[in-house]
N, C-alpha and C. Protein backbone atom coordinates (compact mmCIF):
# COMPACT_ATOMS: atom_id res chain seq x y z
N MET A 1 93.51 85.64 79.35
CA MET A 1 94.81 86.09 79.83
C MET A 1 95.70 84.87 80.04
N THR A 2 96.86 84.91 79.45
CA THR A 2 97.84 83.87 79.63
C THR A 2 98.82 84.31 80.72
N GLU A 3 98.99 83.47 81.71
CA GLU A 3 99.93 83.79 82.78
C GLU A 3 101.36 83.61 82.28
N THR A 4 102.24 84.45 82.80
CA THR A 4 103.66 84.27 82.56
C THR A 4 104.33 84.07 83.90
N ARG A 5 105.43 83.36 83.91
CA ARG A 5 106.16 83.09 85.15
C ARG A 5 107.61 83.52 84.99
N GLU A 6 108.14 84.05 86.07
CA GLU A 6 109.57 84.35 86.15
C GLU A 6 110.01 84.05 87.57
N ALA A 7 111.27 83.80 87.76
CA ALA A 7 111.79 83.48 89.08
C ALA A 7 111.67 84.71 89.99
N PHE A 8 111.27 84.47 91.24
CA PHE A 8 111.22 85.54 92.23
C PHE A 8 112.57 85.60 92.92
N ASP A 9 113.17 86.78 92.91
CA ASP A 9 114.47 87.00 93.54
C ASP A 9 114.29 88.03 94.65
N ILE A 10 114.32 87.56 95.90
CA ILE A 10 114.10 88.47 97.04
C ILE A 10 115.15 89.57 97.09
N ALA A 11 116.29 89.35 96.48
CA ALA A 11 117.34 90.38 96.45
C ALA A 11 116.91 91.60 95.64
N LYS A 12 115.90 91.45 94.79
CA LYS A 12 115.42 92.58 93.98
C LYS A 12 114.34 93.39 94.67
N VAL A 13 113.84 92.89 95.81
CA VAL A 13 112.84 93.64 96.57
C VAL A 13 113.49 94.92 97.07
N ARG A 14 112.76 96.02 96.94
CA ARG A 14 113.31 97.34 97.27
C ARG A 14 112.93 97.74 98.70
N PHE A 15 113.65 97.16 99.67
CA PHE A 15 113.46 97.54 101.07
C PHE A 15 113.96 98.97 101.24
N ASP A 16 113.34 99.73 102.14
CA ASP A 16 113.74 101.12 102.35
C ASP A 16 115.05 101.22 103.12
N GLY A 17 115.45 102.43 103.49
CA GLY A 17 116.70 102.64 104.19
C GLY A 17 116.78 101.94 105.53
N ALA A 18 115.63 101.65 106.13
CA ALA A 18 115.58 100.91 107.40
C ALA A 18 115.46 99.41 107.15
N GLY A 19 115.47 99.00 105.88
CA GLY A 19 115.37 97.58 105.56
C GLY A 19 113.95 97.04 105.57
N LEU A 20 112.97 97.93 105.35
CA LEU A 20 111.56 97.54 105.46
C LEU A 20 110.79 97.80 104.18
N ILE A 21 109.70 97.05 104.01
CA ILE A 21 108.71 97.33 102.98
C ILE A 21 107.33 97.33 103.64
N ALA A 22 106.42 98.11 103.07
CA ALA A 22 105.05 98.14 103.56
C ALA A 22 104.37 96.83 103.19
N ALA A 23 103.52 96.36 104.10
CA ALA A 23 102.76 95.12 103.88
C ALA A 23 101.30 95.40 104.21
N VAL A 24 100.45 95.27 103.21
CA VAL A 24 99.02 95.50 103.37
C VAL A 24 98.34 94.13 103.42
N ALA A 25 97.62 93.86 104.50
CA ALA A 25 96.89 92.60 104.63
C ALA A 25 95.41 92.83 104.34
N CYS A 26 94.86 92.00 103.46
CA CYS A 26 93.43 92.10 103.17
C CYS A 26 92.80 90.71 103.24
N ASP A 27 91.50 90.70 103.48
CA ASP A 27 90.75 89.45 103.56
C ASP A 27 90.75 88.77 102.20
N ALA A 28 91.12 87.52 102.15
CA ALA A 28 91.24 86.78 100.89
C ALA A 28 89.89 86.66 100.17
N ASP A 29 88.80 86.63 100.90
CA ASP A 29 87.49 86.45 100.27
C ASP A 29 86.81 87.76 99.91
N THR A 30 86.87 88.74 100.81
CA THR A 30 86.11 89.98 100.59
C THR A 30 86.96 91.13 100.05
N GLY A 31 88.26 91.06 100.24
CA GLY A 31 89.13 92.16 99.82
C GLY A 31 89.22 93.28 100.86
N GLU A 32 88.51 93.15 101.98
CA GLU A 32 88.55 94.17 103.03
C GLU A 32 89.99 94.35 103.51
N VAL A 33 90.44 95.60 103.58
CA VAL A 33 91.78 95.88 104.12
C VAL A 33 91.72 95.68 105.62
N LEU A 34 92.60 94.83 106.13
CA LEU A 34 92.61 94.50 107.55
C LEU A 34 93.64 95.32 108.32
N MET A 35 94.81 95.49 107.75
CA MET A 35 95.87 96.22 108.44
C MET A 35 97.01 96.55 107.49
N VAL A 36 97.85 97.47 107.93
CA VAL A 36 99.09 97.80 107.23
C VAL A 36 100.20 97.70 108.26
N ALA A 37 101.25 97.00 107.91
CA ALA A 37 102.40 96.84 108.81
C ALA A 37 103.66 96.84 107.97
N TRP A 38 104.74 96.40 108.55
CA TRP A 38 106.05 96.42 107.88
C TRP A 38 106.69 95.04 107.92
N MET A 39 107.48 94.77 106.90
CA MET A 39 108.24 93.52 106.84
C MET A 39 109.69 93.85 106.51
N ASN A 40 110.60 93.14 107.16
CA ASN A 40 111.98 93.17 106.71
C ASN A 40 112.20 91.89 105.89
N ARG A 41 113.40 91.71 105.41
CA ARG A 41 113.67 90.54 104.56
C ARG A 41 113.36 89.24 105.29
N GLU A 42 113.79 89.16 106.56
CA GLU A 42 113.57 87.93 107.32
C GLU A 42 112.08 87.63 107.50
N ALA A 43 111.28 88.67 107.76
CA ALA A 43 109.83 88.48 107.92
C ALA A 43 109.20 88.00 106.62
N LEU A 44 109.62 88.58 105.50
CA LEU A 44 109.08 88.17 104.21
C LEU A 44 109.48 86.72 103.90
N GLU A 45 110.72 86.39 104.15
CA GLU A 45 111.19 85.02 103.91
C GLU A 45 110.41 84.01 104.76
N LYS A 46 110.22 84.35 106.04
CA LYS A 46 109.50 83.45 106.95
C LYS A 46 108.04 83.28 106.52
N THR A 47 107.42 84.38 106.10
CA THR A 47 106.04 84.32 105.63
C THR A 47 105.93 83.45 104.38
N LEU A 48 106.86 83.62 103.45
CA LEU A 48 106.86 82.81 102.23
C LEU A 48 107.05 81.32 102.57
N ARG A 49 107.92 81.05 103.51
CA ARG A 49 108.26 79.68 103.88
C ARG A 49 107.15 78.99 104.67
N GLU A 50 106.53 79.72 105.63
CA GLU A 50 105.60 79.09 106.56
C GLU A 50 104.12 79.26 106.22
N GLY A 51 103.78 80.26 105.40
CA GLY A 51 102.39 80.46 105.04
C GLY A 51 101.54 81.13 106.09
N VAL A 52 102.18 81.62 107.15
CA VAL A 52 101.53 82.40 108.20
C VAL A 52 102.30 83.72 108.26
N VAL A 53 101.57 84.84 108.36
CA VAL A 53 102.22 86.13 108.23
C VAL A 53 103.07 86.49 109.44
N THR A 54 104.30 86.90 109.14
CA THR A 54 105.21 87.47 110.13
C THR A 54 105.58 88.87 109.67
N TYR A 55 105.53 89.81 110.59
CA TYR A 55 105.88 91.20 110.31
C TYR A 55 107.13 91.56 111.09
N TRP A 56 107.61 92.79 110.87
CA TRP A 56 108.67 93.38 111.68
C TRP A 56 108.01 94.44 112.55
N SER A 57 108.15 94.32 113.85
CA SER A 57 107.62 95.31 114.77
C SER A 57 108.63 96.44 114.93
N ARG A 58 108.27 97.61 114.40
CA ARG A 58 109.18 98.76 114.53
C ARG A 58 109.30 99.21 115.99
N SER A 59 108.22 99.12 116.75
CA SER A 59 108.26 99.59 118.14
C SER A 59 109.07 98.65 119.04
N ARG A 60 108.99 97.35 118.78
CA ARG A 60 109.72 96.39 119.61
C ARG A 60 111.07 95.99 119.01
N GLY A 61 111.26 96.29 117.72
CA GLY A 61 112.52 95.95 117.05
C GLY A 61 112.74 94.45 116.94
N GLU A 62 111.65 93.72 116.61
CA GLU A 62 111.76 92.26 116.50
C GLU A 62 110.70 91.71 115.55
N LEU A 63 110.93 90.47 115.10
CA LEU A 63 109.93 89.80 114.29
C LEU A 63 108.67 89.58 115.12
N TRP A 64 107.54 89.61 114.44
CA TRP A 64 106.24 89.49 115.11
C TRP A 64 105.35 88.62 114.23
N THR A 65 105.15 87.38 114.63
CA THR A 65 104.24 86.50 113.91
C THR A 65 102.83 86.82 114.36
N LYS A 66 102.02 87.27 113.43
CA LYS A 66 100.66 87.70 113.75
C LYS A 66 99.90 86.57 114.41
N GLY A 67 99.34 86.85 115.58
CA GLY A 67 98.53 85.88 116.29
C GLY A 67 99.25 85.06 117.34
N LEU A 68 100.55 85.26 117.48
CA LEU A 68 101.31 84.47 118.45
C LEU A 68 100.81 84.69 119.87
N THR A 69 100.46 85.92 120.20
CA THR A 69 99.93 86.24 121.53
C THR A 69 98.42 86.04 121.59
N SER A 70 97.72 86.56 120.58
CA SER A 70 96.25 86.59 120.61
C SER A 70 95.58 85.34 120.05
N GLY A 71 96.28 84.59 119.20
CA GLY A 71 95.67 83.49 118.48
C GLY A 71 94.98 83.94 117.20
N HIS A 72 95.05 85.24 116.92
CA HIS A 72 94.39 85.81 115.74
C HIS A 72 95.35 85.82 114.56
N THR A 73 95.57 84.64 114.02
CA THR A 73 96.57 84.45 112.97
C THR A 73 96.08 84.88 111.60
N GLN A 74 97.04 85.06 110.70
CA GLN A 74 96.76 85.36 109.31
C GLN A 74 97.41 84.28 108.44
N GLU A 75 96.57 83.44 107.85
CA GLU A 75 97.04 82.40 106.95
C GLU A 75 97.09 82.97 105.54
N VAL A 76 98.23 82.86 104.91
CA VAL A 76 98.43 83.44 103.58
C VAL A 76 97.75 82.59 102.51
N THR A 77 96.98 83.24 101.65
CA THR A 77 96.44 82.57 100.47
C THR A 77 97.16 83.03 99.21
N GLU A 78 97.69 84.25 99.26
CA GLU A 78 98.40 84.80 98.10
C GLU A 78 99.22 86.00 98.55
N ILE A 79 100.39 86.14 97.95
CA ILE A 79 101.20 87.33 98.17
C ILE A 79 101.44 87.98 96.82
N ARG A 80 101.13 89.27 96.74
CA ARG A 80 101.38 90.06 95.54
C ARG A 80 102.41 91.13 95.88
N ILE A 81 103.19 91.51 94.89
CA ILE A 81 104.16 92.59 95.09
C ILE A 81 103.90 93.64 94.02
N ASP A 82 104.04 94.91 94.38
CA ASP A 82 103.70 95.97 93.43
C ASP A 82 104.78 96.13 92.34
N CYS A 83 104.47 96.99 91.38
CA CYS A 83 105.33 97.15 90.21
C CYS A 83 106.72 97.68 90.55
N ASP A 84 106.86 98.41 91.65
CA ASP A 84 108.17 98.94 92.07
C ASP A 84 108.92 97.99 92.99
N LEU A 85 108.31 96.87 93.33
CA LEU A 85 108.90 95.87 94.24
C LEU A 85 109.19 96.44 95.63
N ASP A 86 108.32 97.38 96.08
CA ASP A 86 108.56 97.98 97.40
C ASP A 86 107.34 97.94 98.33
N CYS A 87 106.35 97.12 98.00
CA CYS A 87 105.17 96.96 98.84
C CYS A 87 104.54 95.61 98.51
N VAL A 88 104.12 94.89 99.55
CA VAL A 88 103.43 93.62 99.32
C VAL A 88 101.98 93.71 99.76
N LEU A 89 101.15 92.97 99.04
CA LEU A 89 99.74 92.80 99.38
C LEU A 89 99.57 91.35 99.79
N LEU A 90 99.14 91.16 101.02
CA LEU A 90 98.95 89.82 101.58
C LEU A 90 97.46 89.51 101.60
N ARG A 91 97.06 88.54 100.83
CA ARG A 91 95.67 88.07 100.89
C ARG A 91 95.67 86.96 101.93
N VAL A 92 94.86 87.14 102.98
CA VAL A 92 94.93 86.25 104.13
C VAL A 92 93.55 85.76 104.57
N ARG A 93 93.58 84.66 105.29
CA ARG A 93 92.42 84.19 106.04
C ARG A 93 92.68 84.59 107.48
N GLN A 94 91.93 85.57 107.92
CA GLN A 94 92.11 86.14 109.25
C GLN A 94 91.32 85.34 110.27
N ARG A 95 91.99 84.85 111.30
CA ARG A 95 91.31 84.20 112.42
C ARG A 95 91.17 85.26 113.51
N GLY A 96 89.93 85.55 113.92
CA GLY A 96 89.71 86.60 114.92
C GLY A 96 89.92 87.98 114.32
N GLY A 97 90.33 88.91 115.16
CA GLY A 97 90.53 90.28 114.72
C GLY A 97 91.96 90.56 114.31
N ALA A 98 92.13 91.45 113.36
CA ALA A 98 93.47 91.86 112.93
C ALA A 98 94.00 93.01 113.77
N CYS A 99 93.10 93.78 114.35
CA CYS A 99 93.49 95.00 115.07
C CYS A 99 93.74 94.74 116.55
N HIS A 100 94.84 95.30 117.06
CA HIS A 100 95.16 95.11 118.48
C HIS A 100 94.20 95.85 119.41
N ASN A 101 93.30 96.66 118.83
CA ASN A 101 92.28 97.35 119.62
C ASN A 101 90.97 96.56 119.70
N GLY A 102 90.97 95.35 119.14
CA GLY A 102 89.81 94.47 119.28
C GLY A 102 88.89 94.40 118.08
N PHE A 103 89.24 95.07 117.00
CA PHE A 103 88.38 95.09 115.82
C PHE A 103 88.90 94.12 114.75
N ARG A 104 88.01 93.73 113.85
CA ARG A 104 88.42 92.85 112.76
C ARG A 104 89.47 93.54 111.88
N SER A 105 89.27 94.82 111.60
CA SER A 105 90.18 95.60 110.77
C SER A 105 90.71 96.78 111.57
N CYS A 106 91.92 97.18 111.28
CA CYS A 106 92.48 98.39 111.91
C CYS A 106 91.78 99.65 111.39
N PHE A 107 91.02 99.51 110.31
CA PHE A 107 90.33 100.64 109.71
C PHE A 107 88.87 100.66 110.16
N TYR A 108 88.68 100.76 111.48
CA TYR A 108 87.34 100.71 112.07
C TYR A 108 86.76 102.10 112.30
N ARG A 109 87.53 103.14 111.93
CA ARG A 109 87.05 104.52 112.09
C ARG A 109 87.12 105.24 110.75
N ARG A 110 86.24 106.21 110.60
CA ARG A 110 86.31 107.08 109.43
C ARG A 110 86.43 108.52 109.91
N ILE A 111 87.04 109.34 109.09
CA ILE A 111 87.15 110.77 109.39
C ILE A 111 85.95 111.43 108.74
N GLU A 112 85.20 112.12 109.57
CA GLU A 112 84.00 112.80 109.08
C GLU A 112 84.00 114.21 109.66
N GLY A 113 84.23 115.18 108.79
CA GLY A 113 84.36 116.55 109.27
C GLY A 113 85.55 116.61 110.20
N GLY A 114 85.36 117.08 111.40
CA GLY A 114 86.44 117.15 112.39
C GLY A 114 86.40 116.02 113.39
N SER A 115 85.70 114.92 113.06
CA SER A 115 85.52 113.84 114.02
C SER A 115 86.05 112.51 113.49
N LEU A 116 86.45 111.65 114.44
CA LEU A 116 86.71 110.25 114.15
C LEU A 116 85.47 109.48 114.57
N VAL A 117 84.87 108.77 113.63
CA VAL A 117 83.63 108.05 113.89
C VAL A 117 83.91 106.54 113.84
N THR A 118 83.71 105.87 114.97
CA THR A 118 83.84 104.40 115.01
C THR A 118 82.55 103.82 114.49
N ASP A 119 82.67 103.05 113.39
CA ASP A 119 81.46 102.49 112.79
C ASP A 119 81.53 100.97 112.63
N ARG A 120 82.37 100.35 113.46
CA ARG A 120 82.49 98.89 113.48
C ARG A 120 82.40 98.41 114.93
N GLU A 121 82.05 97.15 115.09
CA GLU A 121 81.97 96.54 116.42
C GLU A 121 83.25 95.77 116.72
N LYS A 122 83.63 95.75 117.99
CA LYS A 122 84.76 94.93 118.40
C LYS A 122 84.42 93.45 118.23
N VAL A 123 85.44 92.65 117.88
CA VAL A 123 85.23 91.21 117.74
C VAL A 123 85.91 90.43 118.85
N PHE A 124 86.73 91.13 119.67
CA PHE A 124 87.32 90.50 120.85
C PHE A 124 87.68 91.58 121.86
N ASP A 125 87.86 91.16 123.10
CA ASP A 125 88.21 92.07 124.19
C ASP A 125 89.73 92.21 124.25
N ASP A 126 90.21 93.30 123.70
CA ASP A 126 91.66 93.52 123.61
C ASP A 126 92.32 93.63 124.97
N GLU A 127 91.65 94.17 125.95
CA GLU A 127 92.23 94.32 127.29
C GLU A 127 92.56 92.96 127.91
N SER A 128 91.66 92.00 127.75
CA SER A 128 91.92 90.68 128.34
C SER A 128 92.91 89.87 127.51
N VAL A 129 92.90 90.05 126.20
CA VAL A 129 93.82 89.29 125.34
C VAL A 129 95.26 89.73 125.55
N TYR A 130 95.46 91.05 125.62
CA TYR A 130 96.82 91.58 125.73
C TYR A 130 97.23 91.94 127.15
N LYS A 131 96.33 91.75 128.12
CA LYS A 131 96.64 91.95 129.54
C LYS A 131 97.33 93.30 129.79
N ARG A 132 96.68 94.35 129.29
CA ARG A 132 97.22 95.70 129.47
C ARG A 132 96.97 96.19 130.89
N PRO A 133 97.89 96.98 131.42
CA PRO A 133 97.70 97.52 132.79
C PRO A 133 96.59 98.54 132.85
């Protein structure tokens, strides 16, 4: 396979009506899906520039650099964008857990029949890290 190169133009990224695109983070070595979040243009630009993932927090309405509070950062090894230019895949080196509930991945449960089954172990104590009431 011969690689081809073309200039990346962030203006061509198809952000939705709220100015966001889906961002899927996966482990750079194993391919395990760690989390799904959102990025606005500023978050994508900052991630491209700094090599550490920044998302847009819809609930807080602000940029959110992964790991700023917890220390559980995501170092970018590669960013891919899909064929429609409306979703990015972030291959990352995850330090600690990606999930705010204390798990390595946000996908720590499976749906089985009418039940949610937790089949992963916590990798950190989320209550102490995030100082929840």
